[in-house]
């Protein structure tokens, strides 16, 4: 931030959202937005970086020389199980319960493109996978792997073309074919065969979040309803 490298530690939770404190200035930061809430840097905002939420198998297949952060073997009894929060009922302040369409804790995948926000219910994405849609004037492709959790999104434009993308059946990780050229695209957005071989789709950052939290930080968000299953 402004040339200074900050070191963060967990400070607490604000409405089920991680809050961190930097050791250099004592400023408190909101995880979901990167905004400084309290302290000398209040009002500043961290620059987001691209991240992936995919299975290790997918990641390792694309990055065979990757480094892994391993658990500490003799501290195993101090780690919480993956389902540690199952069944916990966190009360929501009334002011955070959005009016209208969806249950507050419905899991959505939020996408922001050119300052336009749109929310996609995760269960709908799983049922309609992949989804080709528009976020404002940006054509996007949103796809899940077979595990129903690994997710990626891309801008479907190549040069002046807006590609119509179709998933090949029974492929994991997913493989897509575009309707314009018949080129094949892998789950990383790279064309691996066909006239567009070697071209890459621009990634769009998808964020899994509770509906109430996404709506709180993106009050003007649009919502995906096209083709919702009965």
C-alpha atoms as a PDB file:
ATOM      1  CA  UNK A   1       0.000   0.000   0.000  1.00  0.00           C
ATOM      2  CA  UNK A   2       1.629   3.252  -1.200  1.00  0.00           C
ATOM      3  CA  UNK A   3       4.967   1.432  -1.451  1.00  0.00           C
ATOM      4  CA  UNK A   4       4.729  -0.189   1.981  1.00  0.00           C
ATOM      5  CA  UNK A   5       4.513  -3.965   2.385  1.00  0.00           C
ATOM      6  CA  UNK A   6       1.952  -4.837   5.049  1.00  0.00           C
ATOM      7  CA  UNK A   7       1.783  -7.957   7.227  1.00  0.00           C
ATOM      8  CA  UNK A   8      -1.709  -9.072   8.237  1.00  0.00           C
ATOM      9  CA  UNK A   9      -3.117 -11.032  11.141  1.00  0.00           C
ATOM     10  CA  UNK A  10      -6.644 -12.148  11.932  1.00  0.00           C
ATOM     11  CA  UNK A  11      -8.409  -9.504  14.018  1.00  0.00           C
ATOM     12  CA  UNK A  12     -11.955 -10.812  14.116  1.00  0.00           C
ATOM     13  CA  UNK A  13     -15.143 -11.332  12.181  1.00  0.00           C
ATOM     14  CA  UNK A  14     -17.569  -8.626  11.083  1.00  0.00           C
ATOM     15  CA  UNK A  15     -20.957  -9.991  10.014  1.00  0.00           C
ATOM     16  CA  UNK A  16     -19.321 -13.323   9.138  1.00  0.00           C
ATOM     17  CA  UNK A  17     -16.614 -11.591   7.119  1.00  0.00           C
ATOM     18  CA  UNK A  18     -12.913 -11.813   7.945  1.00  0.00           C
ATOM     19  CA  UNK A  19     -11.311  -8.670   9.420  1.00  0.00           C
ATOM     20  CA  UNK A  20      -7.517  -8.387   9.478  1.00  0.00           C
ATOM     21  CA  UNK A  21      -5.110  -5.965  11.151  1.00  0.00           C
ATOM     22  CA  UNK A  22      -1.806  -4.899   9.641  1.00  0.00           C
ATOM     23  CA  UNK A  23       1.152  -4.928  11.992  1.00  0.00           C
ATOM     24  CA  UNK A  24       2.789  -1.850  10.451  1.00  0.00           C
ATOM     25  CA  UNK A  25       0.029   0.728  11.076  1.00  0.00           C
ATOM     26  CA  UNK A  26      -2.601  -1.072  13.161  1.00  0.00           C
ATOM     27  CA  UNK A  27      -5.258  -0.461  10.498  1.00  0.00           C
ATOM     28  CA  UNK A  28      -8.206  -2.864  10.304  1.00  0.00           C
ATOM     29  CA  UNK A  29      -9.133  -4.197   6.845  1.00  0.00           C
ATOM     30  CA  UNK A  30     -12.251  -5.926   5.458  1.00  0.00           C
ATOM     31  CA  UNK A  31     -11.443  -9.155   3.630  1.00  0.00           C
ATOM     32  CA  UNK A  32     -14.191  -9.177   1.001  1.00  0.00           C
ATOM     33  CA  UNK A  33     -13.538  -5.649  -0.274  1.00  0.00           C
ATOM     34  CA  UNK A  34      -9.915  -5.038   0.737  1.00  0.00           C
ATOM     35  CA  UNK A  35     -11.025  -1.718   2.258  1.00  0.00           C
ATOM     36  CA  UNK A  36      -9.358  -0.201   5.316  1.00  0.00           C
ATOM     37  CA  UNK A  37     -12.106   0.314   7.890  1.00  0.00           C
ATOM     38  CA  UNK A  38     -10.406   1.839  10.942  1.00  0.00           C
ATOM     39  CA  UNK A  39      -6.957   3.287  11.561  1.00  0.00           C
ATOM     40  CA  UNK A  40      -4.330   5.462   9.856  1.00  0.00           C
ATOM     41  CA  UNK A  41      -5.059   3.969   6.412  1.00  0.00           C
ATOM     42  CA  UNK A  42      -8.872   4.121   6.684  1.00  0.00           C
ATOM     43  CA  UNK A  43     -10.447   4.595   3.265  1.00  0.00           C
ATOM     44  CA  UNK A  44      -7.567   2.962   1.384  1.00  0.00           C
ATOM     45  CA  UNK A  45      -8.282  -0.171  -0.630  1.00  0.00           C
ATOM     46  CA  UNK A  46      -5.974  -3.091  -1.430  1.00  0.00           C
ATOM     47  CA  UNK A  47      -5.589  -4.010  -5.084  1.00  0.00           C
ATOM     48  CA  UNK A  48      -7.179  -7.419  -5.764  1.00  0.00           C
ATOM     49  CA  UNK A  49      -5.138 -10.101  -7.465  1.00  0.00           C
ATOM     50  CA  UNK A  50      -6.347 -13.036  -9.515  1.00  0.00           C
ATOM     51  CA  UNK A  51      -6.938 -16.203  -7.532  1.00  0.00           C
ATOM     52  CA  UNK A  52      -8.276 -19.668  -8.283  1.00  0.00           C
ATOM     53  CA  UNK A  53     -10.685 -21.778  -6.259  1.00  0.00           C
ATOM     54  CA  UNK A  54     -10.105 -25.178  -7.802  1.00  0.00           C
ATOM     55  CA  UNK A  55      -9.229 -28.681  -6.676  1.00  0.00           C
ATOM     56  CA  UNK A  56      -5.612 -29.594  -6.126  1.00  0.00           C
ATOM     57  CA  UNK A  57      -5.849 -32.120  -8.979  1.00  0.00           C
ATOM     58  CA  UNK A  58      -6.817 -29.386 -11.449  1.00  0.00           C
ATOM     59  CA  UNK A  59      -4.200 -26.974 -10.139  1.00  0.00           C
ATOM     60  CA  UNK A  60      -1.416 -29.568 -10.139  1.00  0.00           C
ATOM     61  CA  UNK A  61      -2.323 -30.659 -13.663  1.00  0.00           C
ATOM     62  CA  UNK A  62      -1.842 -27.094 -14.902  1.00  0.00           C
ATOM     63  CA  UNK A  63       1.131 -26.272 -12.650  1.00  0.00           C
ATOM     64  CA  UNK A  64       3.135 -29.485 -12.140  1.00  0.00           C
ATOM     65  CA  UNK A  65       6.002 -27.651 -10.401  1.00  0.00           C
ATOM     66  CA  UNK A  66       3.749 -25.898  -7.893  1.00  0.00           C
ATOM     67  CA  UNK A  67       4.737 -25.490  -4.258  1.00  0.00           C
ATOM     68  CA  UNK A  68       2.357 -26.692  -1.552  1.00  0.00           C
ATOM     69  CA  UNK A  69       1.722 -25.285   1.908  1.00  0.00           C
ATOM     70  CA  UNK A  70       1.684 -28.454   3.994  1.00  0.00           C
ATOM     71  CA  UNK A  71       0.177 -28.972   7.444  1.00  0.00           C
ATOM     72  CA  UNK A  72       2.594 -29.304  10.348  1.00  0.00           C
ATOM     73  CA  UNK A  73       2.542 -32.991  11.204  1.00  0.00           C
ATOM     74  CA  UNK A  74       3.013 -32.672  14.966  1.00  0.00           C
ATOM     75  CA  UNK A  75       0.273 -30.001  15.212  1.00  0.00           C
ATOM     76  CA  UNK A  76      -2.461 -32.146  13.646  1.00  0.00           C
ATOM     77  CA  UNK A  77      -4.589 -32.055  16.785  1.00  0.00           C
ATOM     78  CA  UNK A  78      -4.775 -28.246  16.529  1.00  0.00           C
ATOM     79  CA  UNK A  79      -6.343 -28.177  13.065  1.00  0.00           C
ATOM     80  CA  UNK A  80     -10.107 -27.936  12.718  1.00  0.00           C
ATOM     81  CA  UNK A  81     -11.917 -30.427  10.470  1.00  0.00           C
ATOM     82  CA  UNK A  82     -13.202 -29.213   7.108  1.00  0.00           C
ATOM     83  CA  UNK A  83     -16.805 -29.323   8.327  1.00  0.00           C
ATOM     84  CA  UNK A  84     -16.112 -27.419  11.552  1.00  0.00           C
ATOM     85  CA  UNK A  85     -18.885 -24.875  10.900  1.00  0.00           C
ATOM     86  CA  UNK A  86     -21.588 -27.283   9.711  1.00  0.00           C
ATOM     87  CA  UNK A  87     -24.743 -26.801  11.716  1.00  0.00           C
ATOM     88  CA  UNK A  88     -23.661 -23.519  13.266  1.00  0.00           C
ATOM     89  CA  UNK A  89     -26.413 -20.908  13.231  1.00  0.00           C
ATOM     90  CA  UNK A  90     -24.958 -17.420  13.028  1.00  0.00           C
ATOM     91  CA  UNK A  91     -27.599 -14.767  13.680  1.00  0.00           C
ATOM     92  CA  UNK A  92     -27.866 -12.087  11.008  1.00  0.00           C
ATOM     93  CA  UNK A  93     -28.582  -8.482  12.004  1.00  0.00           C
ATOM     94  CA  UNK A  94     -31.942  -7.491  10.547  1.00  0.00           C
ATOM     95  CA  UNK A  95     -30.321  -4.754   8.491  1.00  0.00           C
ATOM     96  CA  UNK A  96     -28.257  -7.327   6.576  1.00  0.00           C
ATOM     97  CA  UNK A  97     -31.182  -9.457   5.390  1.00  0.00           C
ATOM     98  CA  UNK A  98     -31.827  -8.403   1.772  1.00  0.00           C
ATOM     99  CA  UNK A  99     -35.369  -8.014   0.539  1.00  0.00           C
ATOM    100  CA  UNK A 100     -36.682 -10.112  -2.296  1.00  0.00           C
ATOM    101  CA  UNK A 101     -35.519 -13.025  -4.283  1.00  0.00           C
ATOM    102  CA  UNK A 102     -33.226 -15.316  -2.325  1.00  0.00           C
ATOM    103  CA  UNK A 103     -32.594 -16.767   1.117  1.00  0.00           C
ATOM    104  CA  UNK A 104     -29.855 -14.687   2.814  1.00  0.00           C
ATOM    105  CA  UNK A 105     -27.358 -17.567   3.096  1.00  0.00           C
ATOM    106  CA  UNK A 106     -27.857 -18.913  -0.389  1.00  0.00           C
ATOM    107  CA  UNK A 107     -24.405 -19.388  -1.919  1.00  0.00           C
ATOM    108  CA  UNK A 108     -23.907 -17.224  -4.975  1.00  0.00           C
ATOM    109  CA  UNK A 109     -21.060 -16.693  -7.396  1.00  0.00           C
ATOM    110  CA  UNK A 110     -20.512 -12.988  -7.813  1.00  0.00           C
ATOM    111  CA  UNK A 111     -18.914 -11.515 -10.929  1.00  0.00           C
ATOM    112  CA  UNK A 112     -17.890  -7.900 -11.510  1.00  0.00           C
ATOM    113  CA  UNK A 113     -17.044  -6.695 -15.020  1.00  0.00           C
ATOM    114  CA  UNK A 114     -16.506  -3.029 -15.891  1.00  0.00           C
ATOM    115  CA  UNK A 115     -18.030  -1.995 -12.547  1.00  0.00           C
ATOM    116  CA  UNK A 116     -21.212  -4.026 -13.175  1.00  0.00           C
ATOM    117  CA  UNK A 117     -21.942  -6.705 -10.548  1.00  0.00           C
ATOM    118  CA  UNK A 118     -24.044  -9.821 -11.089  1.00  0.00           C
ATOM    119  CA  UNK A 119     -24.874 -12.747  -8.807  1.00  0.00           C
ATOM    120  CA  UNK A 120     -25.378 -16.358  -9.911  1.00  0.00           C
ATOM    121  CA  UNK A 121     -26.798 -18.954  -7.479  1.00  0.00           C
ATOM    122  CA  UNK A 122     -24.301 -21.777  -7.164  1.00  0.00           C
ATOM    123  CA  UNK A 123     -27.012 -24.444  -7.331  1.00  0.00           C
ATOM    124  CA  UNK A 124     -28.299 -22.962 -10.614  1.00  0.00           C
ATOM    125  CA  UNK A 125     -24.790 -22.899 -12.074  1.00  0.00           C
ATOM    126  CA  UNK A 126     -24.387 -26.574 -11.191  1.00  0.00           C
ATOM    127  CA  UNK A 127     -27.673 -27.426 -12.919  1.00  0.00           C
ATOM    128  CA  UNK A 128     -26.969 -25.379 -16.070  1.00  0.00           C
ATOM    129  CA  UNK A 129     -23.186 -25.756 -16.266  1.00  0.00           C
ATOM    130  CA  UNK A 130     -21.668 -24.048 -18.202  1.00  0.00           C
ATOM    131  CA  UNK A 131     -23.470 -20.699 -18.323  1.00  0.00           C
ATOM    132  CA  UNK A 132     -22.843 -18.176 -21.108  1.00  0.00           C
ATOM    133  CA  UNK A 133     -24.240 -14.795 -20.120  1.00  0.00           C
ATOM    134  CA  UNK A 134     -23.643 -11.051 -20.147  1.00  0.00           C
ATOM    135  CA  UNK A 135     -22.516  -8.927 -17.196  1.00  0.00           C
ATOM    136  CA  UNK A 136     -23.342  -5.461 -18.438  1.00  0.00           C
ATOM    137  CA  UNK A 137     -21.672  -5.309 -21.839  1.00  0.00           C
ATOM    138  CA  UNK A 138     -19.191  -8.105 -21.046  1.00  0.00           C
ATOM    139  CA  UNK A 139     -19.976 -11.591 -22.418  1.00  0.00           C
ATOM    140  CA  UNK A 140     -18.916 -14.178 -19.849  1.00  0.00           C
ATOM    141  CA  UNK A 141     -18.584 -17.942 -19.585  1.00  0.00           C
ATOM    142  CA  UNK A 142     -18.939 -19.463 -16.099  1.00  0.00           C
ATOM    143  CA  UNK A 143     -18.105 -23.114 -15.610  1.00  0.00           C
ATOM    144  CA  UNK A 144     -17.762 -25.653 -12.805  1.00  0.00           C
ATOM    145  CA  UNK A 145     -15.675 -28.805 -12.821  1.00  0.00           C
ATOM    146  CA  UNK A 146     -17.259 -32.169 -12.043  1.00  0.00           C
ATOM    147  CA  UNK A 147     -16.691 -31.672  -8.303  1.00  0.00           C
ATOM    148  CA  UNK A 148     -19.251 -28.845  -8.367  1.00  0.00           C
ATOM    149  CA  UNK A 149     -16.862 -26.562  -6.490  1.00  0.00           C
ATOM    150  CA  UNK A 150     -13.947 -25.739  -8.782  1.00  0.00           C
ATOM    151  CA  UNK A 151     -15.062 -22.687 -10.737  1.00  0.00           C
ATOM    152  CA  UNK A 152     -13.719 -20.357 -13.387  1.00  0.00           C
ATOM    153  CA  UNK A 153     -15.106 -17.518 -15.480  1.00  0.00           C
ATOM    154  CA  UNK A 154     -13.892 -15.904 -18.705  1.00  0.00           C
ATOM    155  CA  UNK A 155     -14.633 -13.078 -21.111  1.00  0.00           C
ATOM    156  CA  UNK A 156     -15.928 -14.819 -24.273  1.00  0.00           C
ATOM    157  CA  UNK A 157     -14.525 -12.241 -26.689  1.00  0.00           C
ATOM    158  CA  UNK A 158     -11.668 -13.003 -29.067  1.00  0.00           C
ATOM    159  CA  UNK A 159     -10.820 -10.071 -31.315  1.00  0.00           C
ATOM    160  CA  UNK A 160     -14.242  -8.948 -32.645  1.00  0.00           C
ATOM    161  CA  UNK A 161     -15.973 -12.289 -32.023  1.00  0.00           C
ATOM    162  CA  UNK A 162     -18.229 -13.138 -29.089  1.00  0.00           C
ATOM    163  CA  UNK A 163     -17.842 -16.894 -28.886  1.00  0.00           C
ATOM    164  CA  UNK A 164     -20.709 -19.255 -28.239  1.00  0.00           C
ATOM    165  CA  UNK A 165     -19.201 -21.918 -25.982  1.00  0.00           C
ATOM    166  CA  UNK A 166     -20.390 -25.503 -25.499  1.00  0.00           C
ATOM    167  CA  UNK A 167     -19.049 -28.120 -23.092  1.00  0.00           C
ATOM    168  CA  UNK A 168     -17.940 -31.475 -24.459  1.00  0.00           C
ATOM    169  CA  UNK A 169     -19.725 -34.262 -22.556  1.00  0.00           C
ATOM    170  CA  UNK A 170     -18.053 -36.271 -19.793  1.00  0.00           C
ATOM    171  CA  UNK A 171     -14.860 -34.230 -19.659  1.00  0.00           C
ATOM    172  CA  UNK A 172     -13.194 -33.377 -16.346  1.00  0.00           C
ATOM    173  CA  UNK A 173     -11.710 -30.824 -16.174  1.00  0.00           C
ATOM    174  CA  UNK A 174     -14.186 -29.292 -18.633  1.00  0.00           C
ATOM    175  CA  UNK A 175     -13.356 -28.857 -22.318  1.00  0.00           C
ATOM    176  CA  UNK A 176     -15.300 -26.388 -24.468  1.00  0.00           C
ATOM    177  CA  UNK A 177     -15.885 -25.983 -28.197  1.00  0.00           C
ATOM    178  CA  UNK A 178     -16.768 -22.607 -29.682  1.00  0.00           C
ATOM    179  CA  UNK A 179     -19.546 -22.483 -32.248  1.00  0.00           C
ATOM    180  CA  UNK A 180     -17.804 -20.003 -34.535  1.00  0.00           C
ATOM    181  CA  UNK A 181     -14.551 -21.829 -35.323  1.00  0.00           C
ATOM    182  CA  UNK A 182     -14.835 -25.272 -33.716  1.00  0.00           C
ATOM    183  CA  UNK A 183     -11.733 -24.608 -31.628  1.00  0.00           C
ATOM    184  CA  UNK A 184     -11.329 -26.522 -28.362  1.00  0.00           C
ATOM    185  CA  UNK A 185     -10.670 -24.658 -25.101  1.00  0.00           C
ATOM    186  CA  UNK A 186      -9.498 -26.090 -21.805  1.00  0.00           C
ATOM    187  CA  UNK A 187     -10.564 -25.145 -18.269  1.00  0.00           C
ATOM    188  CA  UNK A 188      -7.747 -22.598 -18.107  1.00  0.00           C
ATOM    189  CA  UNK A 189      -9.227 -20.658 -21.046  1.00  0.00           C
ATOM    190  CA  UNK A 190      -6.555 -21.749 -23.537  1.00  0.00           C
ATOM    191  CA  UNK A 191      -7.432 -22.901 -27.059  1.00  0.00           C
ATOM    192  CA  UNK A 192      -5.689 -26.251 -27.471  1.00  0.00           C
ATOM    193  CA  UNK A 193      -6.904 -27.202 -30.978  1.00  0.00           C
ATOM    194  CA  UNK A 194      -8.514 -25.617 -34.006  1.00  0.00           C
ATOM    195  CA  UNK A 195      -8.114 -22.299 -35.836  1.00  0.00           C
ATOM    196  CA  UNK A 196      -7.751 -20.354 -32.566  1.00  0.00           C
ATOM    197  CA  UNK A 197      -5.147 -22.693 -31.043  1.00  0.00           C
ATOM    198  CA  UNK A 198      -2.843 -20.782 -28.729  1.00  0.00           C
ATOM    199  CA  UNK A 199      -5.299 -17.977 -28.021  1.00  0.00           C
ATOM    200  CA  UNK A 200      -6.396 -17.340 -24.433  1.00  0.00           C
ATOM    201  CA  UNK A 201      -9.640 -16.047 -22.990  1.00  0.00           C
ATOM    202  CA  UNK A 202      -9.355 -13.185 -20.512  1.00  0.00           C
ATOM    203  CA  UNK A 203     -10.179 -14.479 -17.020  1.00  0.00           C
ATOM    204  CA  UNK A 204     -12.969 -12.882 -14.997  1.00  0.00           C
ATOM    205  CA  UNK A 205     -12.780 -13.254 -11.219  1.00  0.00           C
ATOM    206  CA  UNK A 206     -15.680 -15.239  -9.696  1.00  0.00           C
ATOM    207  CA  UNK A 207     -16.282 -14.930  -5.950  1.00  0.00           C
ATOM    208  CA  UNK A 208     -18.320 -17.424  -3.931  1.00  0.00           C
ATOM    209  CA  UNK A 209     -20.216 -15.632  -1.190  1.00  0.00           C
ATOM    210  CA  UNK A 210     -23.389 -15.633   0.831  1.00  0.00           C
ATOM    211  CA  UNK A 211     -26.158 -13.732  -0.923  1.00  0.00           C
ATOM    212  CA  UNK A 212     -26.586 -11.325   2.005  1.00  0.00           C
ATOM    213  CA  UNK A 213     -22.873 -10.481   2.017  1.00  0.00           C
ATOM    214  CA  UNK A 214     -22.619 -10.045  -1.756  1.00  0.00           C
ATOM    215  CA  UNK A 215     -25.708  -7.827  -1.708  1.00  0.00           C
ATOM    216  CA  UNK A 216     -24.339  -5.749   1.167  1.00  0.00           C
ATOM    217  CA  UNK A 217     -21.127  -4.927  -0.678  1.00  0.00           C
ATOM    218  CA  UNK A 218     -22.759  -4.722  -4.127  1.00  0.00           C
ATOM    219  CA  UNK A 219     -26.152  -3.109  -3.449  1.00  0.00           C
ATOM    220  CA  UNK A 220     -26.850  -2.529  -7.164  1.00  0.00           C
ATOM    221  CA  UNK A 221     -26.019  -6.091  -8.167  1.00  0.00           C
ATOM    222  CA  UNK A 222     -27.950  -7.727 -10.954  1.00  0.00           C
ATOM    223  CA  UNK A 223     -29.140 -11.305 -10.532  1.00  0.00           C
ATOM    224  CA  UNK A 224     -29.133 -14.273 -12.894  1.00  0.00           C
ATOM    225  CA  UNK A 225     -32.551 -15.817 -13.460  1.00  0.00           C
ATOM    226  CA  UNK A 226     -32.455 -17.005 -17.088  1.00  0.00           C
ATOM    227  CA  UNK A 227     -33.594 -20.568 -17.471  1.00  0.00           C
ATOM    228  CA  UNK A 228     -33.934 -21.158 -13.726  1.00  0.00           C
ATOM    229  CA  UNK A 229     -34.956 -24.797 -13.208  1.00  0.00           C
ATOM    230  CA  UNK A 230     -38.454 -25.365 -11.849  1.00  0.00           C
END
